[in-house]
């Protein structure tokens, strides 16, 4: 998959996997956009996206200078629309945020507006930002996933399995169900560095009951799969939708932090509010 993505997209020019100097001045040009169309062309869903959603990012290493040169810090919560033509490569976002470390701002609102503007230019869509200052950190808490855990199942897994949508199935002759299933065993790999990315995945659906053992096997097989977080969630969504014949479906992954950032893609095919940005224990 890595070779395929590199042939279709500009990943060879991305800062990910390369030695990078720590920026000492504000540098919005560090942001590296990646076209979503490259991956989505491989999903073969037709001319209309089969989902809606958002990519929720949390940036824990944000700092800038106040008017008198004193450093300020905050946690940034970033929402990038699912239909933005571009997403932003994570290391480039880290470098960009580091470039704010020596930039003076009048207040946090000015910082928020600057980041929102720069990310919106990179994504070619309006990106929303919220800043949480240290006085509000005490209100942040670790949450638990609600639903039925797939990890209770003792499934047999082959070490080198790759994701196979044909494993997925559902009870199409039985009465439909409405349930939420989750697993903490999702692991995919960076398409550039090959390094592992861990996540908890939450699947909510209405429709024929999904075979849970096969679903867990499918999820675990992503440990040998190389794609960005957003791409993995969209592939999982499309595979479940096609093979399990769900009436309603949402897929939400909470990835663990890397480089001071965590990325949490959410995709759904029915009108619902975006999920709350609840931090899990491993984040």
C-alpha atoms as a PDB file:
ATOM      1  CA  UNK A   1       0.000   0.000   0.000  1.00  0.00           C
ATOM      2  CA  UNK A   2       2.884   2.393   0.728  1.00  0.00           C
ATOM      3  CA  UNK A   3       4.221   2.148  -2.841  1.00  0.00           C
ATOM      4  CA  UNK A   4       0.717   2.601  -4.213  1.00  0.00           C
ATOM      5  CA  UNK A   5       0.098   5.742  -2.189  1.00  0.00           C
ATOM      6  CA  UNK A   6       3.480   7.191  -3.088  1.00  0.00           C
ATOM      7  CA  UNK A   7       2.753   6.681  -6.775  1.00  0.00           C
ATOM      8  CA  UNK A   8      -0.582   8.473  -6.475  1.00  0.00           C
ATOM      9  CA  UNK A   9       0.348  11.238  -4.071  1.00  0.00           C
ATOM     10  CA  UNK A  10       3.127  13.589  -2.929  1.00  0.00           C
ATOM     11  CA  UNK A  11       4.190  11.657   0.184  1.00  0.00           C
ATOM     12  CA  UNK A  12       7.812  11.560  -0.909  1.00  0.00           C
ATOM     13  CA  UNK A  13       7.913  15.325  -0.246  1.00  0.00           C
ATOM     14  CA  UNK A  14       6.320  15.134   3.202  1.00  0.00           C
ATOM     15  CA  UNK A  15       8.427  15.946   6.297  1.00  0.00           C
ATOM     16  CA  UNK A  16       7.304  12.689   7.916  1.00  0.00           C
ATOM     17  CA  UNK A  17      10.202  10.254   8.267  1.00  0.00           C
ATOM     18  CA  UNK A  18      12.825  12.928   7.614  1.00  0.00           C
ATOM     19  CA  UNK A  19      15.136  14.857   9.925  1.00  0.00           C
ATOM     20  CA  UNK A  20      13.651  18.305  10.494  1.00  0.00           C
ATOM     21  CA  UNK A  21      15.131  21.385  12.126  1.00  0.00           C
ATOM     22  CA  UNK A  22      13.175  22.938  14.972  1.00  0.00           C
ATOM     23  CA  UNK A  23      11.648  26.127  13.502  1.00  0.00           C
ATOM     24  CA  UNK A  24      12.557  29.373  15.266  1.00  0.00           C
ATOM     25  CA  UNK A  25      10.143  31.660  13.452  1.00  0.00           C
ATOM     26  CA  UNK A  26       6.515  31.579  12.378  1.00  0.00           C
ATOM     27  CA  UNK A  27       6.308  29.390   9.260  1.00  0.00           C
ATOM     28  CA  UNK A  28       2.832  28.549   7.905  1.00  0.00           C
ATOM     29  CA  UNK A  29       4.479  27.140   4.772  1.00  0.00           C
ATOM     30  CA  UNK A  30       5.506  24.134   6.889  1.00  0.00           C
ATOM     31  CA  UNK A  31       1.944  22.784   6.684  1.00  0.00           C
ATOM     32  CA  UNK A  32       1.882  19.894   4.213  1.00  0.00           C
ATOM     33  CA  UNK A  33      -1.542  19.174   2.658  1.00  0.00           C
ATOM     34  CA  UNK A  34      -2.375  15.689   1.364  1.00  0.00           C
ATOM     35  CA  UNK A  35      -5.275  15.286  -1.099  1.00  0.00           C
ATOM     36  CA  UNK A  36      -8.057  13.086   0.222  1.00  0.00           C
ATOM     37  CA  UNK A  37      -8.939  12.090  -3.339  1.00  0.00           C
ATOM     38  CA  UNK A  38      -5.835   9.887  -3.621  1.00  0.00           C
ATOM     39  CA  UNK A  39      -7.076   7.419  -1.042  1.00  0.00           C
ATOM     40  CA  UNK A  40     -10.764   7.783  -1.814  1.00  0.00           C
ATOM     41  CA  UNK A  41     -10.193   6.762  -5.429  1.00  0.00           C
ATOM     42  CA  UNK A  42      -9.219   3.336  -4.064  1.00  0.00           C
ATOM     43  CA  UNK A  43     -12.506   2.902  -2.184  1.00  0.00           C
ATOM     44  CA  UNK A  44     -14.587   2.735  -5.396  1.00  0.00           C
ATOM     45  CA  UNK A  45     -17.775   4.074  -3.853  1.00  0.00           C
ATOM     46  CA  UNK A  46     -18.974   5.976  -6.897  1.00  0.00           C
ATOM     47  CA  UNK A  47     -19.435   9.696  -7.419  1.00  0.00           C
ATOM     48  CA  UNK A  48     -20.957  10.523  -4.022  1.00  0.00           C
ATOM     49  CA  UNK A  49     -19.195  10.127  -0.684  1.00  0.00           C
ATOM     50  CA  UNK A  50     -21.013   7.441   1.339  1.00  0.00           C
ATOM     51  CA  UNK A  51     -20.311   9.185   4.638  1.00  0.00           C
ATOM     52  CA  UNK A  52     -20.137  12.478   6.506  1.00  0.00           C
ATOM     53  CA  UNK A  53     -17.892  13.282   9.396  1.00  0.00           C
ATOM     54  CA  UNK A  54     -14.991  15.152  10.913  1.00  0.00           C
ATOM     55  CA  UNK A  55     -11.370  14.665  11.901  1.00  0.00           C
ATOM     56  CA  UNK A  56     -10.875  15.735  15.522  1.00  0.00           C
ATOM     57  CA  UNK A  57      -7.290  16.602  16.473  1.00  0.00           C
ATOM     58  CA  UNK A  58      -5.923  17.412  19.923  1.00  0.00           C
ATOM     59  CA  UNK A  59      -2.629  19.302  20.088  1.00  0.00           C
ATOM     60  CA  UNK A  60      -1.003  19.157  23.518  1.00  0.00           C
ATOM     61  CA  UNK A  61       2.225  21.032  22.738  1.00  0.00           C
ATOM     62  CA  UNK A  62       0.982  24.476  21.755  1.00  0.00           C
ATOM     63  CA  UNK A  63       2.903  27.518  22.989  1.00  0.00           C
ATOM     64  CA  UNK A  64       3.411  31.117  21.906  1.00  0.00           C
ATOM     65  CA  UNK A  65       4.698  34.394  23.343  1.00  0.00           C
ATOM     66  CA  UNK A  66       2.532  36.983  25.055  1.00  0.00           C
ATOM     67  CA  UNK A  67       2.930  40.718  24.353  1.00  0.00           C
ATOM     68  CA  UNK A  68       5.918  40.970  26.727  1.00  0.00           C
ATOM     69  CA  UNK A  69       7.637  37.821  25.514  1.00  0.00           C
ATOM     70  CA  UNK A  70       6.444  35.478  28.243  1.00  0.00           C
ATOM     71  CA  UNK A  71       5.519  31.989  26.945  1.00  0.00           C
ATOM     72  CA  UNK A  72       1.874  30.956  27.050  1.00  0.00           C
ATOM     73  CA  UNK A  73       0.525  27.397  26.659  1.00  0.00           C
ATOM     74  CA  UNK A  74      -2.792  25.798  25.787  1.00  0.00           C
ATOM     75  CA  UNK A  75      -4.321  22.617  24.408  1.00  0.00           C
ATOM     76  CA  UNK A  76      -5.782  23.060  20.935  1.00  0.00           C
ATOM     77  CA  UNK A  77      -8.827  21.129  19.766  1.00  0.00           C
ATOM     78  CA  UNK A  78      -9.027  21.138  15.977  1.00  0.00           C
ATOM     79  CA  UNK A  79     -11.886  20.000  13.717  1.00  0.00           C
ATOM     80  CA  UNK A  80     -11.178  19.410  10.012  1.00  0.00           C
ATOM     81  CA  UNK A  81     -14.291  18.693   7.888  1.00  0.00           C
ATOM     82  CA  UNK A  82     -14.504  15.305   6.200  1.00  0.00           C
ATOM     83  CA  UNK A  83     -15.134  16.965   2.836  1.00  0.00           C
ATOM     84  CA  UNK A  84     -12.108  19.241   2.891  1.00  0.00           C
ATOM     85  CA  UNK A  85     -10.140  18.595  -0.314  1.00  0.00           C
ATOM     86  CA  UNK A  86      -6.991  18.166   1.763  1.00  0.00           C
ATOM     87  CA  UNK A  87      -5.997  16.828   5.141  1.00  0.00           C
ATOM     88  CA  UNK A  88      -2.789  17.940   6.872  1.00  0.00           C
ATOM     89  CA  UNK A  89       0.180  15.633   7.422  1.00  0.00           C
ATOM     90  CA  UNK A  90       0.709  15.298  11.185  1.00  0.00           C
ATOM     91  CA  UNK A  91       4.433  16.022  11.452  1.00  0.00           C
ATOM     92  CA  UNK A  92       4.006  19.149   9.374  1.00  0.00           C
ATOM     93  CA  UNK A  93       1.332  20.301  11.824  1.00  0.00           C
ATOM     94  CA  UNK A  94       3.678  19.636  14.733  1.00  0.00           C
ATOM     95  CA  UNK A  95       6.449  21.670  13.051  1.00  0.00           C
ATOM     96  CA  UNK A  96       3.994  24.456  12.226  1.00  0.00           C
ATOM     97  CA  UNK A  97       2.779  24.642  15.820  1.00  0.00           C
ATOM     98  CA  UNK A  98       6.400  24.707  17.000  1.00  0.00           C
ATOM     99  CA  UNK A  99       6.974  27.681  14.695  1.00  0.00           C
ATOM    100  CA  UNK A 100       4.560  29.669  16.861  1.00  0.00           C
ATOM    101  CA  UNK A 101       6.809  29.281  19.915  1.00  0.00           C
ATOM    102  CA  UNK A 102       8.683  32.545  19.189  1.00  0.00           C
ATOM    103  CA  UNK A 103       5.780  34.514  17.745  1.00  0.00           C
ATOM    104  CA  UNK A 104       4.175  37.257  19.852  1.00  0.00           C
ATOM    105  CA  UNK A 105       0.392  37.500  20.087  1.00  0.00           C
ATOM    106  CA  UNK A 106      -1.825  39.966  21.909  1.00  0.00           C
ATOM    107  CA  UNK A 107      -4.010  37.208  23.362  1.00  0.00           C
ATOM    108  CA  UNK A 108      -5.197  33.604  22.911  1.00  0.00           C
ATOM    109  CA  UNK A 109      -8.014  34.666  20.589  1.00  0.00           C
ATOM    110  CA  UNK A 110      -5.464  35.996  18.142  1.00  0.00           C
ATOM    111  CA  UNK A 111      -3.600  32.684  18.294  1.00  0.00           C
ATOM    112  CA  UNK A 112      -6.799  30.757  17.612  1.00  0.00           C
ATOM    113  CA  UNK A 113      -7.674  32.912  14.614  1.00  0.00           C
ATOM    114  CA  UNK A 114      -4.176  32.572  13.170  1.00  0.00           C
ATOM    115  CA  UNK A 115      -4.130  28.767  13.451  1.00  0.00           C
ATOM    116  CA  UNK A 116      -7.651  28.492  12.054  1.00  0.00           C
ATOM    117  CA  UNK A 117      -6.746  30.674   9.084  1.00  0.00           C
ATOM    118  CA  UNK A 118      -3.526  28.786   8.276  1.00  0.00           C
ATOM    119  CA  UNK A 119      -5.110  25.336   8.571  1.00  0.00           C
ATOM    120  CA  UNK A 120      -8.109  26.436   6.514  1.00  0.00           C
ATOM    121  CA  UNK A 121      -5.757  27.532   3.739  1.00  0.00           C
ATOM    122  CA  UNK A 122      -3.926  24.193   3.854  1.00  0.00           C
ATOM    123  CA  UNK A 123      -7.115  22.080   3.936  1.00  0.00           C
ATOM    124  CA  UNK A 124      -8.982  24.387   1.531  1.00  0.00           C
ATOM    125  CA  UNK A 125     -11.944  24.291   3.905  1.00  0.00           C
ATOM    126  CA  UNK A 126     -12.930  26.058   7.101  1.00  0.00           C
ATOM    127  CA  UNK A 127     -11.118  24.502  10.070  1.00  0.00           C
ATOM    128  CA  UNK A 128     -12.416  25.281  13.558  1.00  0.00           C
ATOM    129  CA  UNK A 129     -10.185  25.678  16.610  1.00  0.00           C
ATOM    130  CA  UNK A 130     -10.824  25.791  20.346  1.00  0.00           C
ATOM    131  CA  UNK A 131      -8.094  26.587  22.873  1.00  0.00           C
ATOM    132  CA  UNK A 132      -8.193  25.227  26.410  1.00  0.00           C
ATOM    133  CA  UNK A 133      -6.038  27.239  28.781  1.00  0.00           C
ATOM    134  CA  UNK A 134      -4.370  25.750  31.890  1.00  0.00           C
ATOM    135  CA  UNK A 135      -7.056  27.114  34.211  1.00  0.00           C
ATOM    136  CA  UNK A 136      -9.573  24.783  32.517  1.00  0.00           C
ATOM    137  CA  UNK A 137      -7.422  21.654  32.421  1.00  0.00           C
ATOM    138  CA  UNK A 138      -8.846  20.370  35.696  1.00  0.00           C
ATOM    139  CA  UNK A 139     -12.178  19.908  33.920  1.00  0.00           C
ATOM    140  CA  UNK A 140     -10.651  17.513  31.389  1.00  0.00           C
ATOM    141  CA  UNK A 141     -11.212  13.887  32.341  1.00  0.00           C
ATOM    142  CA  UNK A 142     -10.529  10.411  31.010  1.00  0.00           C
ATOM    143  CA  UNK A 143     -13.655   8.704  29.717  1.00  0.00           C
ATOM    144  CA  UNK A 144     -14.627   5.085  29.114  1.00  0.00           C
ATOM    145  CA  UNK A 145     -16.042   3.751  25.858  1.00  0.00           C
ATOM    146  CA  UNK A 146     -19.688   2.722  26.095  1.00  0.00           C
ATOM    147  CA  UNK A 147     -20.998  -0.330  24.272  1.00  0.00           C
ATOM    148  CA  UNK A 148     -20.116  -4.010  23.897  1.00  0.00           C
ATOM    149  CA  UNK A 149     -16.427  -4.902  23.878  1.00  0.00           C
ATOM    150  CA  UNK A 150     -15.275  -7.132  21.043  1.00  0.00           C
ATOM    151  CA  UNK A 151     -12.047  -7.805  22.936  1.00  0.00           C
ATOM    152  CA  UNK A 152     -13.803 -10.335  25.162  1.00  0.00           C
ATOM    153  CA  UNK A 153     -13.886 -12.744  22.214  1.00  0.00           C
ATOM    154  CA  UNK A 154     -11.195 -15.432  21.905  1.00  0.00           C
ATOM    155  CA  UNK A 155     -10.664 -15.368  18.146  1.00  0.00           C
ATOM    156  CA  UNK A 156      -7.925 -17.120  16.209  1.00  0.00           C
ATOM    157  CA  UNK A 157      -5.697 -14.740  14.263  1.00  0.00           C
ATOM    158  CA  UNK A 158      -2.959 -15.487  11.753  1.00  0.00           C
ATOM    159  CA  UNK A 159       0.126 -13.300  12.383  1.00  0.00           C
ATOM    160  CA  UNK A 160       0.364 -11.880   8.868  1.00  0.00           C
ATOM    161  CA  UNK A 161      -3.303 -11.486   7.954  1.00  0.00           C
ATOM    162  CA  UNK A 162      -4.181  -8.401   5.913  1.00  0.00           C
ATOM    163  CA  UNK A 163      -7.653  -6.810   6.094  1.00  0.00           C
ATOM    164  CA  UNK A 164     -10.095  -8.820   4.018  1.00  0.00           C
ATOM    165  CA  UNK A 165     -13.613  -7.377   3.699  1.00  0.00           C
ATOM    166  CA  UNK A 166     -14.914 -10.833   2.754  1.00  0.00           C
ATOM    167  CA  UNK A 167     -14.507 -11.857   6.393  1.00  0.00           C
ATOM    168  CA  UNK A 168     -17.294  -9.445   7.343  1.00  0.00           C
ATOM    169  CA  UNK A 169     -20.844 -10.754   7.514  1.00  0.00           C
ATOM    170  CA  UNK A 170     -24.182 -10.178   9.221  1.00  0.00           C
ATOM    171  CA  UNK A 171     -27.420 -12.031   9.993  1.00  0.00           C
ATOM    172  CA  UNK A 172     -29.461 -10.686   7.091  1.00  0.00           C
ATOM    173  CA  UNK A 173     -32.347 -13.117   7.759  1.00  0.00           C
ATOM    174  CA  UNK A 174     -32.790 -12.062  11.386  1.00  0.00           C
ATOM    175  CA  UNK A 175     -34.491  -9.028  12.920  1.00  0.00           C
ATOM    176  CA  UNK A 176     -32.371  -5.850  12.768  1.00  0.00           C
ATOM    177  CA  UNK A 177     -30.513  -4.675  15.870  1.00  0.00           C
ATOM    178  CA  UNK A 178     -29.142  -1.377  17.122  1.00  0.00           C
ATOM    179  CA  UNK A 179     -25.849  -1.628  18.984  1.00  0.00           C
ATOM    180  CA  UNK A 180     -22.426  -0.144  19.618  1.00  0.00           C
ATOM    181  CA  UNK A 181     -19.345  -2.360  19.425  1.00  0.00           C
ATOM    182  CA  UNK A 182     -15.812  -1.342  20.314  1.00  0.00           C
ATOM    183  CA  UNK A 183     -12.263  -2.656  20.426  1.00  0.00           C
ATOM    184  CA  UNK A 184      -9.010  -1.337  21.841  1.00  0.00           C
ATOM    185  CA  UNK A 185      -7.010  -3.610  19.517  1.00  0.00           C
ATOM    186  CA  UNK A 186      -6.902  -1.511  16.360  1.00  0.00           C
ATOM    187  CA  UNK A 187      -3.338  -0.979  15.210  1.00  0.00           C
ATOM    188  CA  UNK A 188      -2.373   0.376  11.813  1.00  0.00           C
ATOM    189  CA  UNK A 189       0.961   1.562  10.481  1.00  0.00           C
ATOM    190  CA  UNK A 190       2.197   4.880   9.127  1.00  0.00           C
ATOM    191  CA  UNK A 191       2.399   4.673   5.314  1.00  0.00           C
ATOM    192  CA  UNK A 192       5.702   6.591   5.325  1.00  0.00           C
ATOM    193  CA  UNK A 193       7.674   5.369   8.354  1.00  0.00           C
ATOM    194  CA  UNK A 194       5.967   2.015   8.947  1.00  0.00           C
ATOM    195  CA  UNK A 195       5.728   2.816  12.656  1.00  0.00           C
ATOM    196  CA  UNK A 196       2.627   1.514  14.499  1.00  0.00           C
ATOM    197  CA  UNK A 197      -0.365   3.662  15.452  1.00  0.00           C
ATOM    198  CA  UNK A 198      -2.730   2.330  18.140  1.00  0.00           C
ATOM    199  CA  UNK A 199      -6.388   3.206  18.526  1.00  0.00           C
ATOM    200  CA  UNK A 200      -9.703   2.343  20.123  1.00  0.00           C
ATOM    201  CA  UNK A 201     -12.445   1.970  17.527  1.00  0.00           C
ATOM    202  CA  UNK A 202     -16.176   2.432  18.146  1.00  0.00           C
ATOM    203  CA  UNK A 203     -18.702   1.079  15.627  1.00  0.00           C
ATOM    204  CA  UNK A 204     -22.362   2.023  16.045  1.00  0.00           C
ATOM    205  CA  UNK A 205     -24.965   0.690  13.653  1.00  0.00           C
ATOM    206  CA  UNK A 206     -28.555  -0.260  12.970  1.00  0.00           C
ATOM    207  CA  UNK A 207     -29.271  -3.249  10.759  1.00  0.00           C
ATOM    208  CA  UNK A 208     -28.586  -6.989  10.550  1.00  0.00           C
ATOM    209  CA  UNK A 209     -26.505  -8.195  13.505  1.00  0.00           C
ATOM    210  CA  UNK A 210     -22.827  -8.145  12.550  1.00  0.00           C
ATOM    211  CA  UNK A 211     -20.800 -11.297  13.193  1.00  0.00           C
ATOM    212  CA  UNK A 212     -18.646 -10.034  16.053  1.00  0.00           C
ATOM    213  CA  UNK A 213     -15.875 -12.634  15.841  1.00  0.00           C
ATOM    214  CA  UNK A 214     -15.275 -11.880  12.179  1.00  0.00           C
ATOM    215  CA  UNK A 215     -15.430  -8.148  12.813  1.00  0.00           C
ATOM    216  CA  UNK A 216     -12.765  -8.412  15.522  1.00  0.00           C
ATOM    217  CA  UNK A 217     -10.538 -10.505  13.269  1.00  0.00           C
ATOM    218  CA  UNK A 218     -10.945  -7.876  10.542  1.00  0.00           C
ATOM    219  CA  UNK A 219     -10.051  -5.033  12.940  1.00  0.00           C
ATOM    220  CA  UNK A 220      -6.972  -6.813  14.305  1.00  0.00           C
ATOM    221  CA  UNK A 221      -5.681  -7.522  10.792  1.00  0.00           C
ATOM    222  CA  UNK A 222      -5.028  -3.783  10.355  1.00  0.00           C
ATOM    223  CA  UNK A 223      -1.824  -4.327  12.357  1.00  0.00           C
ATOM    224  CA  UNK A 224      -0.205  -5.206   9.010  1.00  0.00           C
ATOM    225  CA  UNK A 225      -1.892  -2.379   7.063  1.00  0.00           C
ATOM    226  CA  UNK A 226      -0.149   0.894   6.167  1.00  0.00           C
ATOM    227  CA  UNK A 227      -2.404   3.943   5.820  1.00  0.00           C
ATOM    228  CA  UNK A 228      -3.102   7.233   7.546  1.00  0.00           C
ATOM    229  CA  UNK A 229      -5.641   7.241  10.380  1.00  0.00           C
ATOM    230  CA  UNK A 230      -8.331   8.958   8.314  1.00  0.00           C
ATOM    231  CA  UNK A 231      -7.884   6.480   5.465  1.00  0.00           C
ATOM    232  CA  UNK A 232      -8.160   3.457   7.755  1.00  0.00           C
ATOM    233  CA  UNK A 233     -11.451   4.658   9.228  1.00  0.00           C
ATOM    234  CA  UNK A 234     -12.914   5.339   5.786  1.00  0.00           C
ATOM    235  CA  UNK A 235     -11.873   1.908   4.523  1.00  0.00           C
ATOM    236  CA  UNK A 236     -13.351   0.217   7.604  1.00  0.00           C
ATOM    237  CA  UNK A 237     -16.570   2.192   7.163  1.00  0.00           C
ATOM    238  CA  UNK A 238     -16.930   1.302   3.477  1.00  0.00           C
ATOM    239  CA  UNK A 239     -16.114  -2.383   4.041  1.00  0.00           C
ATOM    240  CA  UNK A 240     -18.650  -2.766   6.865  1.00  0.00           C
ATOM    241  CA  UNK A 241     -21.310  -0.869   4.911  1.00  0.00           C
ATOM    242  CA  UNK A 242     -20.831  -3.019   1.825  1.00  0.00           C
ATOM    243  CA  UNK A 243     -20.530  -6.421   3.483  1.00  0.00           C
ATOM    244  CA  UNK A 244     -22.852  -6.116   6.493  1.00  0.00           C
ATOM    245  CA  UNK A 245     -25.708  -4.205   4.809  1.00  0.00           C
ATOM    246  CA  UNK A 246     -26.168  -1.777   7.687  1.00  0.00           C
ATOM    247  CA  UNK A 247     -29.049   0.700   7.586  1.00  0.00           C
ATOM    248  CA  UNK A 248     -27.177   3.247   9.696  1.00  0.00           C
ATOM    249  CA  UNK A 249     -23.457   3.192  10.469  1.00  0.00           C
ATOM    250  CA  UNK A 250     -20.840   5.285  12.219  1.00  0.00           C
ATOM    251  CA  UNK A 251     -17.164   4.482  12.760  1.00  0.00           C
ATOM    252  CA  UNK A 252     -15.050   6.474  15.215  1.00  0.00           C
ATOM    253  CA  UNK A 253     -11.389   5.849  16.027  1.00  0.00           C
ATOM    254  CA  UNK A 254      -9.510   7.420  18.935  1.00  0.00           C
ATOM    255  CA  UNK A 255      -5.819   7.127  18.089  1.00  0.00           C
ATOM    256  CA  UNK A 256      -3.093   7.400  20.710  1.00  0.00           C
ATOM    257  CA  UNK A 257      -0.895  10.452  20.852  1.00  0.00           C
ATOM    258  CA  UNK A 258       2.198  10.856  18.694  1.00  0.00           C
ATOM    259  CA  UNK A 259       4.367  13.958  18.602  1.00  0.00           C
ATOM    260  CA  UNK A 260       2.009  15.751  20.962  1.00  0.00           C
ATOM    261  CA  UNK A 261      -0.974  15.148  18.656  1.00  0.00           C
ATOM    262  CA  UNK A 262      -3.819  12.670  18.571  1.00  0.00           C
ATOM    263  CA  UNK A 263      -6.119  12.237  15.560  1.00  0.00           C
ATOM    264  CA  UNK A 264      -9.670  10.952  15.903  1.00  0.00           C
ATOM    265  CA  UNK A 265     -11.562  10.436  12.614  1.00  0.00           C
ATOM    266  CA  UNK A 266     -15.346  10.034  12.680  1.00  0.00           C
ATOM    267  CA  UNK A 267     -17.469   8.879   9.740  1.00  0.00           C
ATOM    268  CA  UNK A 268     -21.243   8.342   9.636  1.00  0.00           C
ATOM    269  CA  UNK A 269     -23.990   7.923   7.033  1.00  0.00           C
ATOM    270  CA  UNK A 270     -26.873   9.414   9.027  1.00  0.00           C
ATOM    271  CA  UNK A 271     -27.592  12.800  10.559  1.00  0.00           C
ATOM    272  CA  UNK A 272     -26.143  12.853  14.044  1.00  0.00           C
ATOM    273  CA  UNK A 273     -24.112  15.262  16.120  1.00  0.00           C
ATOM    274  CA  UNK A 274     -20.359  14.818  15.981  1.00  0.00           C
ATOM    275  CA  UNK A 275     -19.034  12.795  18.929  1.00  0.00           C
ATOM    276  CA  UNK A 276     -17.804  14.580  22.013  1.00  0.00           C
ATOM    277  CA  UNK A 277     -14.034  14.920  22.114  1.00  0.00           C
ATOM    278  CA  UNK A 278     -13.624  12.559  25.079  1.00  0.00           C
ATOM    279  CA  UNK A 279     -10.067  11.598  25.921  1.00  0.00           C
ATOM    280  CA  UNK A 280      -9.476   7.873  26.524  1.00  0.00           C
ATOM    281  CA  UNK A 281      -6.948   6.408  28.976  1.00  0.00           C
ATOM    282  CA  UNK A 282      -4.229   5.827  26.366  1.00  0.00           C
ATOM    283  CA  UNK A 283      -4.481   9.357  25.049  1.00  0.00           C
END
